[in-house]
Amino acid sequence: MGWETPNWRIGDYPSQYNQKVHGPYDPARFYGKPDTPLAEVKVGELGSWLSRRNFHPRAMIQCASRATWRWRHKYVFPVRSNAAFLYQFIFCTSMFYYVINYKKFTDHAHYKYH
């Protein structure tokens, strides 16, 4: 795989997608050639497994997009969803603001000198 040229036009289907074979398009699915999952890779085969990955920035964005769609299909879109989406949103927002304000928290820490 390596640095193969991906489909550069934004909004197009992936080049591996074939409607006759795959049916309706699902943005949460990877349409490329399936490979061994990371959990099934032995330590000795890790180098060759990593060399088969596509580290192109466009491929990384597509991977994050697929993960976002899988999360949405699981937590946001169901008709009978629970409050997990709300709790995850609140937790992520709290962690984001904690990280960006961490310096302020550490600067105002109270120390006992005695």
PDB file of N, CA and C in Angstrom:
ATOM      1  N   MET A   1       0.829  -1.175   0.000  1.00  0.00           N
ATOM      2  CA  MET A   1       0.000   0.000   0.000  1.00  0.00           C
ATOM      3  C   MET A   1       0.877   1.243   0.000  1.00  0.00           C
ATOM      4  N   GLY A   2       1.429   1.590   1.124  1.00  0.00           N
ATOM      5  CA  GLY A   2       2.337   2.716   1.189  1.00  0.00           C
ATOM      6  C   GLY A   2       1.691   4.030   0.801  1.00  0.00           C
ATOM      7  N   TRP A   3       2.353   4.772  -0.089  1.00  0.00           N
ATOM      8  CA  TRP A   3       1.905   6.098  -0.489  1.00  0.00           C
ATOM      9  C   TRP A   3       1.182   6.044  -1.825  1.00  0.00           C
ATOM     10  N   GLU A   4       0.228   5.139  -1.980  1.00  0.00           N
ATOM     11  CA  GLU A   4      -0.514   5.100  -3.230  1.00  0.00           C
ATOM     12  C   GLU A   4      -1.411   6.331  -3.322  1.00  0.00           C
ATOM     13  N   THR A   5      -1.672   6.739  -4.531  1.00  0.00           N
ATOM     14  CA  THR A   5      -2.472   7.934  -4.741  1.00  0.00           C
ATOM     15  C   THR A   5      -3.942   7.627  -4.505  1.00  0.00           C
ATOM     16  N   PRO A   6      -4.562   8.267  -3.518  1.00  0.00           N
ATOM     17  CA  PRO A   6      -5.982   8.023  -3.276  1.00  0.00           C
ATOM     18  C   PRO A   6      -6.847   8.827  -4.243  1.00  0.00           C
ATOM     19  N   ASN A   7      -8.143   8.652  -4.144  1.00  0.00           N
ATOM     20  CA  ASN A   7      -9.078   9.429  -4.943  1.00  0.00           C
ATOM     21  C   ASN A   7      -9.048  10.862  -4.413  1.00  0.00           C
ATOM     22  N   TRP A   8      -8.601  11.821  -5.213  1.00  0.00           N
ATOM     23  CA  TRP A   8      -8.377  13.181  -4.732  1.00  0.00           C
ATOM     24  C   TRP A   8      -9.607  14.064  -4.777  1.00  0.00           C
ATOM     25  N   ARG A   9     -10.649  13.661  -5.460  1.00  0.00           N
ATOM     26  CA  ARG A   9     -11.823  14.518  -5.553  1.00  0.00           C
ATOM     27  C   ARG A   9     -12.666  14.360  -4.292  1.00  0.00           C
ATOM     28  N   ILE A  10     -12.934  15.445  -3.627  1.00  0.00           N
ATOM     29  CA  ILE A  10     -13.691  15.419  -2.386  1.00  0.00           C
ATOM     30  C   ILE A  10     -15.156  15.165  -2.706  1.00  0.00           C
ATOM     31  N   GLY A  11     -15.783  14.268  -1.950  1.00  0.00           N
ATOM     32  CA  GLY A  11     -17.180  13.962  -2.139  1.00  0.00           C
ATOM     33  C   GLY A  11     -17.430  12.738  -2.990  1.00  0.00           C
ATOM     34  N   ASP A  12     -16.406  12.198  -3.627  1.00  0.00           N
ATOM     35  CA  ASP A  12     -16.571  10.991  -4.432  1.00  0.00           C
ATOM     36  C   ASP A  12     -16.509   9.754  -3.547  1.00  0.00           C
ATOM     37  N   TYR A  13     -17.037   8.668  -4.064  1.00  0.00           N
ATOM     38  CA  TYR A  13     -16.931   7.394  -3.366  1.00  0.00           C
ATOM     39  C   TYR A  13     -15.478   6.914  -3.411  1.00  0.00           C
ATOM     40  N   PRO A  14     -15.065   6.051  -2.481  1.00  0.00           N
ATOM     41  CA  PRO A  14     -13.708   5.496  -2.559  1.00  0.00           C
ATOM     42  C   PRO A  14     -13.526   4.724  -3.858  1.00  0.00           C
ATOM     43  N   SER A  15     -12.307   4.682  -4.339  1.00  0.00           N
ATOM     44  CA  SER A  15     -12.050   4.020  -5.620  1.00  0.00           C
ATOM     45  C   SER A  15     -12.304   2.512  -5.553  1.00  0.00           C
ATOM     46  N   GLN A  16     -12.241   1.897  -4.360  1.00  0.00           N
ATOM     47  CA  GLN A  16     -12.478   0.457  -4.221  1.00  0.00           C
ATOM     48  C   GLN A  16     -13.962   0.116  -4.163  1.00  0.00           C
ATOM     49  N   TYR A  17     -14.831   1.099  -4.012  1.00  0.00           N
ATOM     50  CA  TYR A  17     -16.265   0.857  -3.865  1.00  0.00           C
ATOM     51  C   TYR A  17     -16.884   0.502  -5.212  1.00  0.00           C
ATOM     52  N   ASN A  18     -17.664  -0.588  -5.228  1.00  0.00           N
ATOM     53  CA  ASN A  18     -18.397  -1.017  -6.413  1.00  0.00           C
ATOM     54  C   ASN A  18     -19.835  -1.274  -5.970  1.00  0.00           C
ATOM     55  N   GLN A  19     -20.775  -0.520  -6.507  1.00  0.00           N
ATOM     56  CA  GLN A  19     -22.154  -0.610  -6.065  1.00  0.00           C
ATOM     57  C   GLN A  19     -22.760  -1.980  -6.339  1.00  0.00           C
ATOM     58  N   LYS A  20     -22.350  -2.621  -7.415  1.00  0.00           N
ATOM     59  CA  LYS A  20     -22.897  -3.941  -7.744  1.00  0.00           C
ATOM     60  C   LYS A  20     -22.412  -5.007  -6.768  1.00  0.00           C
ATOM     61  N   VAL A  21     -21.237  -4.835  -6.223  1.00  0.00           N
ATOM     62  CA  VAL A  21     -20.671  -5.814  -5.298  1.00  0.00           C
ATOM     63  C   VAL A  21     -21.053  -5.497  -3.855  1.00  0.00           C
ATOM     64  N   HIS A  22     -20.926  -4.233  -3.449  1.00  0.00           N
ATOM     65  CA  HIS A  22     -21.089  -3.843  -2.053  1.00  0.00           C
ATOM     66  C   HIS A  22     -22.494  -3.388  -1.688  1.00  0.00           C
ATOM     67  N   GLY A  23     -23.330  -3.072  -2.648  1.00  0.00           N
ATOM     68  CA  GLY A  23     -24.675  -2.598  -2.341  1.00  0.00           C
ATOM     69  C   GLY A  23     -24.656  -1.126  -1.982  1.00  0.00           C
ATOM     70  N   PRO A  24     -25.583  -0.668  -1.136  1.00  0.00           N
ATOM     71  CA  PRO A  24     -25.632   0.759  -0.781  1.00  0.00           C
ATOM     72  C   PRO A  24     -24.358   1.195  -0.066  1.00  0.00           C
ATOM     73  N   TYR A  25     -23.958   2.422  -0.323  1.00  0.00           N
ATOM     74  CA  TYR A  25     -22.726   2.946   0.262  1.00  0.00           C
ATOM     75  C   TYR A  25     -22.901   3.189   1.757  1.00  0.00           C
ATOM     76  N   ASP A  26     -21.930   2.748   2.539  1.00  0.00           N
ATOM     77  CA  ASP A  26     -21.908   2.969   3.981  1.00  0.00           C
ATOM     78  C   ASP A  26     -20.612   3.690   4.317  1.00  0.00           C
ATOM     79  N   PRO A  27     -20.669   4.944   4.809  1.00  0.00           N
ATOM     80  CA  PRO A  27     -19.438   5.680   5.095  1.00  0.00           C
ATOM     81  C   PRO A  27     -18.638   5.109   6.257  1.00  0.00           C
ATOM     82  N   ALA A  28     -19.217   4.198   7.041  1.00  0.00           N
ATOM     83  CA  ALA A  28     -18.512   3.622   8.183  1.00  0.00           C
ATOM     84  C   ALA A  28     -17.733   2.368   7.805  1.00  0.00           C
ATOM     85  N   ARG A  29     -17.775   1.959   6.546  1.00  0.00           N
ATOM     86  CA  ARG A  29     -17.136   0.713   6.126  1.00  0.00           C
ATOM     87  C   ARG A  29     -15.895   0.983   5.279  1.00  0.00           C
ATOM     88  N   PHE A  30     -14.851   0.166   5.463  1.00  0.00           N
ATOM     89  CA  PHE A  30     -13.649   0.249   4.649  1.00  0.00           C
ATOM     90  C   PHE A  30     -13.828  -0.668   3.453  1.00  0.00           C
ATOM     91  N   TYR A  31     -13.725  -0.123   2.250  1.00  0.00           N
ATOM     92  CA  TYR A  31     -13.973  -0.894   1.038  1.00  0.00           C
ATOM     93  C   TYR A  31     -12.695  -1.422   0.397  1.00  0.00           C
ATOM     94  N   GLY A  32     -11.563  -1.242   1.037  1.00  0.00           N
ATOM     95  CA  GLY A  32     -10.317  -1.755   0.498  1.00  0.00           C
ATOM     96  C   GLY A  32     -10.158  -3.248   0.760  1.00  0.00           C
ATOM     97  N   LYS A  33      -8.997  -3.758   0.388  1.00  0.00           N
ATOM     98  CA  LYS A  33      -8.697  -5.175   0.587  1.00  0.00           C
ATOM     99  C   LYS A  33      -8.566  -5.456   2.083  1.00  0.00           C
ATOM    100  N   PRO A  34      -9.304  -6.439   2.623  1.00  0.00           N
ATOM    101  CA  PRO A  34      -9.205  -6.716   4.062  1.00  0.00           C
ATOM    102  C   PRO A  34      -7.828  -7.279   4.430  1.00  0.00           C
ATOM    103  N   ASP A  35      -7.356  -6.923   5.598  1.00  0.00           N
ATOM    104  CA  ASP A  35      -6.064  -7.381   6.083  1.00  0.00           C
ATOM    105  C   ASP A  35      -6.233  -7.931   7.490  1.00  0.00           C
ATOM    106  N   THR A  36      -5.176  -8.489   8.034  1.00  0.00           N
ATOM    107  CA  THR A  36      -5.201  -9.062   9.375  1.00  0.00           C
ATOM    108  C   THR A  36      -5.451  -7.958  10.406  1.00  0.00           C
ATOM    109  N   PRO A  37      -6.414  -8.128  11.308  1.00  0.00           N
ATOM    110  CA  PRO A  37      -6.627  -7.117  12.360  1.00  0.00           C
ATOM    111  C   PRO A  37      -5.412  -7.029  13.280  1.00  0.00           C
ATOM    112  N   LEU A  38      -5.207  -5.870  13.869  1.00  0.00           N
ATOM    113  CA  LEU A  38      -4.054  -5.642  14.744  1.00  0.00           C
ATOM    114  C   LEU A  38      -4.029  -6.624  15.910  1.00  0.00           C
ATOM    115  N   ALA A  39      -5.174  -7.002  16.430  1.00  0.00           N
ATOM    116  CA  ALA A  39      -5.235  -7.917  17.567  1.00  0.00           C
ATOM    117  C   ALA A  39      -4.727  -9.314  17.220  1.00  0.00           C
ATOM    118  N   GLU A  40      -4.730  -9.674  15.938  1.00  0.00           N
ATOM    119  CA  GLU A  40      -4.291 -11.002  15.516  1.00  0.00           C
ATOM    120  C   GLU A  40      -2.862 -11.031  14.986  1.00  0.00           C
ATOM    121  N   VAL A  41      -2.166  -9.895  15.001  1.00  0.00           N
ATOM    122  CA  VAL A  41      -0.801  -9.818  14.488  1.00  0.00           C
ATOM    123  C   VAL A  41       0.171 -10.258  15.571  1.00  0.00           C
ATOM    124  N   LYS A  42       1.097 -11.144  15.205  1.00  0.00           N
ATOM    125  CA  LYS A  42       2.134 -11.571  16.142  1.00  0.00           C
ATOM    126  C   LYS A  42       3.237 -10.516  16.189  1.00  0.00           C
ATOM    127  N   VAL A  43       4.009 -10.500  17.258  1.00  0.00           N
ATOM    128  CA  VAL A  43       5.023  -9.472  17.451  1.00  0.00           C
ATOM    129  C   VAL A  43       6.051  -9.500  16.320  1.00  0.00           C
ATOM    130  N   GLY A  44       6.429 -10.680  15.862  1.00  0.00           N
ATOM    131  CA  GLY A  44       7.402 -10.787  14.774  1.00  0.00           C
ATOM    132  C   GLY A  44       6.876 -10.282  13.445  1.00  0.00           C
ATOM    133  N   GLU A  45       5.576 -10.296  13.265  1.00  0.00           N
ATOM    134  CA  GLU A  45       4.973  -9.849  12.006  1.00  0.00           C
ATOM    135  C   GLU A  45       4.554  -8.387  12.041  1.00  0.00           C
ATOM    136  N   LEU A  46       4.798  -7.695  13.152  1.00  0.00           N
ATOM    137  CA  LEU A  46       4.335  -6.324  13.302  1.00  0.00           C
ATOM    138  C   LEU A  46       4.972  -5.380  12.290  1.00  0.00           C
ATOM    139  N   GLY A  47       6.253  -5.554  11.996  1.00  0.00           N
ATOM    140  CA  GLY A  47       6.939  -4.689  11.025  1.00  0.00           C
ATOM    141  C   GLY A  47       6.345  -4.808   9.632  1.00  0.00           C
ATOM    142  N   SER A  48       6.109  -6.033   9.185  1.00  0.00           N
ATOM    143  CA  SER A  48       5.516  -6.214   7.854  1.00  0.00           C
ATOM    144  C   SER A  48       4.071  -5.731   7.829  1.00  0.00           C
ATOM    145  N   TRP A  49       3.347  -5.887   8.941  1.00  0.00           N
ATOM    146  CA  TRP A  49       1.973  -5.407   9.009  1.00  0.00           C
ATOM    147  C   TRP A  49       1.937  -3.878   8.911  1.00  0.00           C
ATOM    148  N   LEU A  50       2.855  -3.200   9.616  1.00  0.00           N
ATOM    149  CA  LEU A  50       2.916  -1.738   9.554  1.00  0.00           C
ATOM    150  C   LEU A  50       3.326  -1.248   8.173  1.00  0.00           C
ATOM    151  N   SER A  51       4.183  -2.005   7.481  1.00  0.00           N
ATOM    152  CA  SER A  51       4.604  -1.584   6.141  1.00  0.00           C
ATOM    153  C   SER A  51       3.458  -1.674   5.139  1.00  0.00           C
ATOM    154  N   ARG A  52       2.438  -2.475   5.415  1.00  0.00           N
ATOM    155  CA  ARG A  52       1.277  -2.574   4.523  1.00  0.00           C
ATOM    156  C   ARG A  52       0.251  -1.479   4.786  1.00  0.00           C
ATOM    157  N   ARG A  53       0.422  -0.683   5.822  1.00  0.00           N
ATOM    158  CA  ARG A  53      -0.522   0.389   6.133  1.00  0.00           C
ATOM    159  C   ARG A  53      -0.283   1.580   5.212  1.00  0.00           C
ATOM    160  N   ASN A  54      -1.331   2.328   4.972  1.00  0.00           N
ATOM    161  CA  ASN A  54      -1.249   3.536   4.168  1.00  0.00           C
ATOM    162  C   ASN A  54      -1.205   4.724   5.123  1.00  0.00           C
ATOM    163  N   PHE A  55      -0.066   5.410   5.197  1.00  0.00           N
ATOM    164  CA  PHE A  55       0.110   6.525   6.124  1.00  0.00           C
ATOM    165  C   PHE A  55      -0.045   7.872   5.434  1.00  0.00           C
ATOM    166  N   HIS A  56      -0.691   7.891   4.294  1.00  0.00           N
ATOM    167  CA  HIS A  56      -0.947   9.141   3.594  1.00  0.00           C
ATOM    168  C   HIS A  56      -1.918   9.976   4.439  1.00  0.00           C
ATOM    169  N   PRO A  57      -1.741  11.296   4.507  1.00  0.00           N
ATOM    170  CA  PRO A  57      -2.648  12.113   5.326  1.00  0.00           C
ATOM    171  C   PRO A  57      -4.112  11.947   4.932  1.00  0.00           C
ATOM    172  N   ARG A  58      -4.381  11.794   3.653  1.00  0.00           N
ATOM    173  CA  ARG A  58      -5.773  11.595   3.215  1.00  0.00           C
ATOM    174  C   ARG A  58      -6.328  10.278   3.776  1.00  0.00           C
ATOM    175  N   ALA A  59      -5.503   9.236   3.807  1.00  0.00           N
ATOM    176  CA  ALA A  59      -5.938   7.952   4.357  1.00  0.00           C
ATOM    177  C   ALA A  59      -6.209   8.063   5.855  1.00  0.00           C
ATOM    178  N   MET A  60      -5.420   8.855   6.565  1.00  0.00           N
ATOM    179  CA  MET A  60      -5.640   9.048   8.000  1.00  0.00           C
ATOM    180  C   MET A  60      -6.963   9.783   8.253  1.00  0.00           C
ATOM    181  N   ILE A  61      -7.263  10.780   7.421  1.00  0.00           N
ATOM    182  CA  ILE A  61      -8.528  11.505   7.557  1.00  0.00           C
ATOM    183  C   ILE A  61      -9.698  10.577   7.260  1.00  0.00           C
ATOM    184  N   GLN A  62      -9.563   9.731   6.244  1.00  0.00           N
ATOM    185  CA  GLN A  62     -10.624   8.779   5.928  1.00  0.00           C
ATOM    186  C   GLN A  62     -10.837   7.788   7.057  1.00  0.00           C
ATOM    187  N   CYS A  63      -9.767   7.363   7.703  1.00  0.00           N
ATOM    188  CA  CYS A  63      -9.871   6.444   8.844  1.00  0.00           C
ATOM    189  C   CYS A  63     -10.616   7.108  10.004  1.00  0.00           C
ATOM    190  N   ALA A  64     -10.281   8.361  10.296  1.00  0.00           N
ATOM    191  CA  ALA A  64     -10.975   9.080  11.363  1.00  0.00           C
ATOM    192  C   ALA A  64     -12.446   9.294  11.006  1.00  0.00           C
ATOM    193  N   SER A  65     -12.723   9.545   9.746  1.00  0.00           N
ATOM    194  CA  SER A  65     -14.108   9.727   9.310  1.00  0.00           C
ATOM    195  C   SER A  65     -14.908   8.437   9.471  1.00  0.00           C
ATOM    196  N   ARG A  66     -14.302   7.298   9.104  1.00  0.00           N
ATOM    197  CA  ARG A  66     -15.000   6.016   9.275  1.00  0.00           C
ATOM    198  C   ARG A  66     -15.274   5.739  10.751  1.00  0.00           C
ATOM    199  N   ALA A  67     -14.304   6.046  11.611  1.00  0.00           N
ATOM    200  CA  ALA A  67     -14.499   5.840  13.053  1.00  0.00           C
ATOM    201  C   ALA A  67     -15.613   6.735  13.582  1.00  0.00           C
ATOM    202  N   THR A  68     -15.681   7.970  13.101  1.00  0.00           N
ATOM    203  CA  THR A  68     -16.746   8.876  13.518  1.00  0.00           C
ATOM    204  C   THR A  68     -18.107   8.356  13.075  1.00  0.00           C
ATOM    205  N   TRP A  69     -18.200   7.857  11.850  1.00  0.00           N
ATOM    206  CA  TRP A  69     -19.473   7.320  11.368  1.00  0.00           C
ATOM    207  C   TRP A  69     -19.881   6.081  12.145  1.00  0.00           C
ATOM    208  N   ARG A  70     -18.909   5.206  12.485  1.00  0.00           N
ATOM    209  CA  ARG A  70     -19.246   4.026  13.284  1.00  0.00           C
ATOM    210  C   ARG A  70     -19.770   4.440  14.653  1.00  0.00           C
ATOM    211  N   TRP A  71     -19.159   5.464  15.263  1.00  0.00           N
ATOM    212  CA  TRP A  71     -19.611   5.961  16.558  1.00  0.00           C
ATOM    213  C   TRP A  71     -21.015   6.548  16.439  1.00  0.00           C
ATOM    214  N   ARG A  72     -21.259   7.307  15.377  1.00  0.00           N
ATOM    215  CA  ARG A  72     -22.584   7.894  15.179  1.00  0.00           C
ATOM    216  C   ARG A  72     -23.650   6.815  14.992  1.00  0.00           C
ATOM    217  N   HIS A  73     -23.324   5.790  14.195  1.00  0.00           N
ATOM    218  CA  HIS A  73     -24.286   4.707  13.986  1.00  0.00           C
ATOM    219  C   HIS A  73     -24.602   3.977  15.289  1.00  0.00           C
ATOM    220  N   LYS A  74     -23.636   3.912  16.200  1.00  0.00           N
ATOM    221  CA  LYS A  74     -23.836   3.175  17.445  1.00  0.00           C
ATOM    222  C   LYS A  74     -24.530   4.011  18.524  1.00  0.00           C
ATOM    223  N   TYR A  75     -24.185   5.294  18.636  1.00  0.00           N
ATOM    224  CA  TYR A  75     -24.665   6.079  19.767  1.00  0.00           C
ATOM    225  C   TYR A  75     -25.636   7.208  19.416  1.00  0.00           C
ATOM    226  N   VAL A  76     -25.542   7.801  18.240  1.00  0.00           N
ATOM    227  CA  VAL A  76     -26.322   8.991  17.935  1.00  0.00           C
ATOM    228  C   VAL A  76     -27.581   8.674  17.127  1.00  0.00           C
ATOM    229  N   PHE A  77     -27.481   7.841  16.098  1.00  0.00           N
ATOM    230  CA  PHE A  77     -28.574   7.622  15.163  1.00  0.00           C
ATOM    231  C   PHE A  77     -29.653   6.630  15.586  1.00  0.00           C
ATOM    232  N   PRO A  78     -29.421   5.715  16.524  1.00  0.00           N
ATOM    233  CA  PRO A  78     -30.490   4.764  16.850  1.00  0.00           C
ATOM    234  C   PRO A  78     -31.761   5.462  17.344  1.00  0.00           C
ATOM    235  N   VAL A  79     -32.902   4.867  16.999  1.00  0.00           N
ATOM    236  CA  VAL A  79     -34.180   5.440  17.405  1.00  0.00           C
ATOM    237  C   VAL A  79     -34.337   5.364  18.918  1.00  0.00           C
ATOM    238  N   ARG A  80     -33.953   4.248  19.506  1.00  0.00           N
ATOM    239  CA  ARG A  80     -34.061   4.074  20.957  1.00  0.00           C
ATOM    240  C   ARG A  80     -32.673   4.179  21.600  1.00  0.00           C
ATOM    241  N   SER A  81     -32.016   5.284  21.404  1.00  0.00           N
ATOM    242  CA  SER A  81     -30.689   5.450  21.999  1.00  0.00           C
ATOM    243  C   SER A  81     -30.824   5.848  23.468  1.00  0.00           C
ATOM    244  N   ASN A  82     -29.753   5.669  24.200  1.00  0.00           N
ATOM    245  CA  ASN A  82     -29.762   6.027  25.623  1.00  0.00           C
ATOM    246  C   ASN A  82     -28.933   7.292  25.819  1.00  0.00           C
ATOM    247  N   ALA A  83     -28.590   7.593  27.039  1.00  0.00           N
ATOM    248  CA  ALA A  83     -27.880   8.834  27.353  1.00  0.00           C
ATOM    249  C   ALA A  83     -26.367   8.708  27.183  1.00  0.00           C
ATOM    250  N   ALA A  84     -25.874   7.616  26.606  1.00  0.00           N
ATOM    251  CA  ALA A  84     -24.426   7.439  26.453  1.00  0.00           C
ATOM    252  C   ALA A  84     -23.829   8.555  25.601  1.00  0.00           C
ATOM    253  N   PHE A  85     -24.514   8.947  24.534  1.00  0.00           N
ATOM    254  CA  PHE A  85     -24.017  10.033  23.685  1.00  0.00           C
ATOM    255  C   PHE A  85     -23.865  11.313  24.486  1.00  0.00           C
ATOM    256  N   LEU A  86     -24.849  11.640  25.303  1.00  0.00           N
ATOM    257  CA  LEU A  86     -24.792  12.854  26.113  1.00  0.00           C
ATOM    258  C   LEU A  86     -23.640  12.786  27.119  1.00  0.00           C
ATOM    259  N   TYR A  87     -23.481  11.654  27.789  1.00  0.00           N
ATOM    260  CA  TYR A  87     -22.389  11.505  28.758  1.00  0.00           C
ATOM    261  C   TYR A  87     -21.021  11.589  28.078  1.00  0.00           C
ATOM    262  N   GLN A  88     -20.882  10.973  26.908  1.00  0.00           N
ATOM    263  CA  GLN A  88     -19.612  11.029  26.188  1.00  0.00           C
ATOM    264  C   GLN A  88     -19.307  12.458  25.752  1.00  0.00           C
ATOM    265  N   PHE A  89     -20.318  13.174  25.297  1.00  0.00           N
ATOM    266  CA  PHE A  89     -20.127  14.564  24.882  1.00  0.00           C
ATOM    267  C   PHE A  89     -19.701  15.430  26.062  1.00  0.00           C
ATOM    268  N   ILE A  90     -20.363  15.275  27.193  1.00  0.00           N
ATOM    269  CA  ILE A  90     -20.020  16.057  28.381  1.00  0.00           C
ATOM    270  C   ILE A  90     -18.607  15.719  28.855  1.00  0.00           C
ATOM    271  N   PHE A  91     -18.250  14.428  28.859  1.00  0.00           N
ATOM    272  CA  PHE A  91     -16.911  14.032  29.296  1.00  0.00           C
ATOM    273  C   PHE A  91     -15.838  14.607  28.366  1.00  0.00           C
ATOM    274  N   CYS A  92     -16.031  14.496  27.066  1.00  0.00           N
ATOM    275  CA  CYS A  92     -15.043  15.009  26.111  1.00  0.00           C
ATOM    276  C   CYS A  92     -14.910  16.524  26.207  1.00  0.00           C
ATOM    277  N   THR A  93     -16.023  17.211  26.382  1.00  0.00           N
ATOM    278  CA  THR A  93     -15.976  18.665  26.542  1.00  0.00           C
ATOM    279  C   THR A  93     -15.231  19.039  27.822  1.00  0.00           C
ATOM    280  N   SER A  94     -15.503  18.341  28.907  1.00  0.00           N
ATOM    281  CA  SER A  94     -14.808  18.620  30.169  1.00  0.00           C
ATOM    282  C   SER A  94     -13.310  18.367  30.048  1.00  0.00           C
ATOM    283  N   MET A  95     -12.939  17.261  29.423  1.00  0.00           N
ATOM    284  CA  MET A  95     -11.513  16.958  29.257  1.00  0.00           C
ATOM    285  C   MET A  95     -10.830  17.981  28.351  1.00  0.00           C
ATOM    286  N   PHE A  96     -11.519  18.412  27.305  1.00  0.00           N
ATOM    287  CA  PHE A  96     -10.950  19.423  26.406  1.00  0.00           C
ATOM    288  C   PHE A  96     -10.650  20.708  27.171  1.00  0.00           C
ATOM    289  N   TYR A  97     -11.622  21.203  27.940  1.00  0.00           N
ATOM    290  CA  TYR A  97     -11.407  22.436  28.686  1.00  0.00           C
ATOM    291  C   TYR A  97     -10.391  22.258  29.811  1.00  0.00           C
ATOM    292  N   TYR A  98     -10.309  21.077  30.386  1.00  0.00           N
ATOM    293  CA  TYR A  98      -9.286  20.827  31.404  1.00  0.00           C
ATOM    294  C   TYR A  98      -7.889  20.905  30.785  1.00  0.00           C
ATOM    295  N   VAL A  99      -7.728  20.294  29.612  1.00  0.00           N
ATOM    296  CA  VAL A  99      -6.416  20.291  28.956  1.00  0.00           C
ATOM    297  C   VAL A  99      -6.006  21.701  28.543  1.00  0.00           C
ATOM    298  N   ILE A 100      -6.933  22.473  27.969  1.00  0.00           N
ATOM    299  CA  ILE A 100      -6.527  23.810  27.530  1.00  0.00           C
ATOM    300  C   ILE A 100      -6.315  24.769  28.706  1.00  0.00           C
ATOM    301  N   ASN A 101      -6.880  24.472  29.883  1.00  0.00           N
ATOM    302  CA  ASN A 101      -6.702  25.338  31.056  1.00  0.00           C
ATOM    303  C   ASN A 101      -5.764  24.730  32.093  1.00  0.00           C
ATOM    304  N   TYR A 102      -5.054  23.669  31.761  1.00  0.00           N
ATOM    305  CA  TYR A 102      -4.198  22.985  32.728  1.00  0.00           C
ATOM    306  C   TYR A 102      -3.123  23.910  33.306  1.00  0.00           C
ATOM    307  N   LYS A 103      -2.550  24.749  32.469  1.00  0.00           N
ATOM    308  CA  LYS A 103      -1.506  25.663  32.927  1.00  0.00           C
ATOM    309  C   LYS A 103      -2.058  26.611  33.996  1.00  0.00           C
ATOM    310  N   LYS A 104      -3.277  27.076  33.815  1.00  0.00           N
ATOM    311  CA  LYS A 104      -3.881  27.963  34.814  1.00  0.00           C
ATOM    312  C   LYS A 104      -4.110  27.227  36.129  1.00  0.00           C
ATOM    313  N   PHE A 105      -4.517  25.973  36.051  1.00  0.00           N
ATOM    314  CA  PHE A 105      -4.739  25.193  37.266  1.00  0.00           C
ATOM    315  C   PHE A 105      -3.448  24.975  38.035  1.00  0.00           C
ATOM    316  N   THR A 106      -2.383  24.672  37.330  1.00  0.00           N
ATOM    317  CA  THR A 106      -1.113  24.405  38.018  1.00  0.00           C
ATOM    318  C   THR A 106      -0.485  25.692  38.536  1.00  0.00           C
ATOM    319  N   ASP A 107      -0.710  26.816  37.850  1.00  0.00           N
ATOM    320  CA  ASP A 107      -0.150  28.082  38.333  1.00  0.00           C
ATOM    321  C   ASP A 107      -0.815  28.545  39.621  1.00  0.00           C
ATOM    322  N   HIS A 108      -2.064  28.218  39.825  1.00  0.00           N
ATOM    323  CA  HIS A 108      -2.803  28.672  40.998  1.00  0.00           C
ATOM    324  C   HIS A 108      -2.883  27.612  42.096  1.00  0.00           C
ATOM    325  N   ALA A 109      -2.033  26.625  42.032  1.00  0.00           N
ATOM    326  CA  ALA A 109      -2.042  25.594  43.074  1.00  0.00           C
ATOM    327  C   ALA A 109      -1.547  26.195  44.389  1.00  0.00           C
ATOM    328  N   HIS A 110      -2.144  25.768  45.474  1.00  0.00           N
ATOM    329  CA  HIS A 110      -1.755  26.258  46.792  1.00  0.00           C
ATOM    330  C   HIS A 110      -0.805  25.248  47.421  1.00  0.00           C
ATOM    331  N   TYR A 111       0.350  25.756  47.858  1.00  0.00           N
ATOM    332  CA  TYR A 111       1.336  24.919  48.500  1.00  0.00           C
ATOM    333  C   TYR A 111       1.512  25.380  49.941  1.00  0.00           C
ATOM    334  N   LYS A 112       1.740  24.414  50.811  1.00  0.00           N
ATOM    335  CA  LYS A 112       2.028  24.741  52.202  1.00  0.00           C
ATOM    336  C   LYS A 112       3.548  24.795  52.378  1.00  0.00           C
ATOM    337  N   TYR A 113       4.031  25.921  52.845  1.00  0.00           N
ATOM    338  CA  TYR A 113       5.449  26.047  53.122  1.00  0.00           C
ATOM    339  C   TYR A 113       5.614  26.147  54.626  1.00  0.00           C
ATOM    340  N   HIS A 114       6.131  25.125  55.257  1.00  0.00           N
ATOM    341  CA  HIS A 114       6.402  25.188  56.677  1.00  0.00           C
ATOM    342  C   HIS A 114       7.478  24.244  57.051  1.00  0.00           C
TER     343      HIS A 114
END
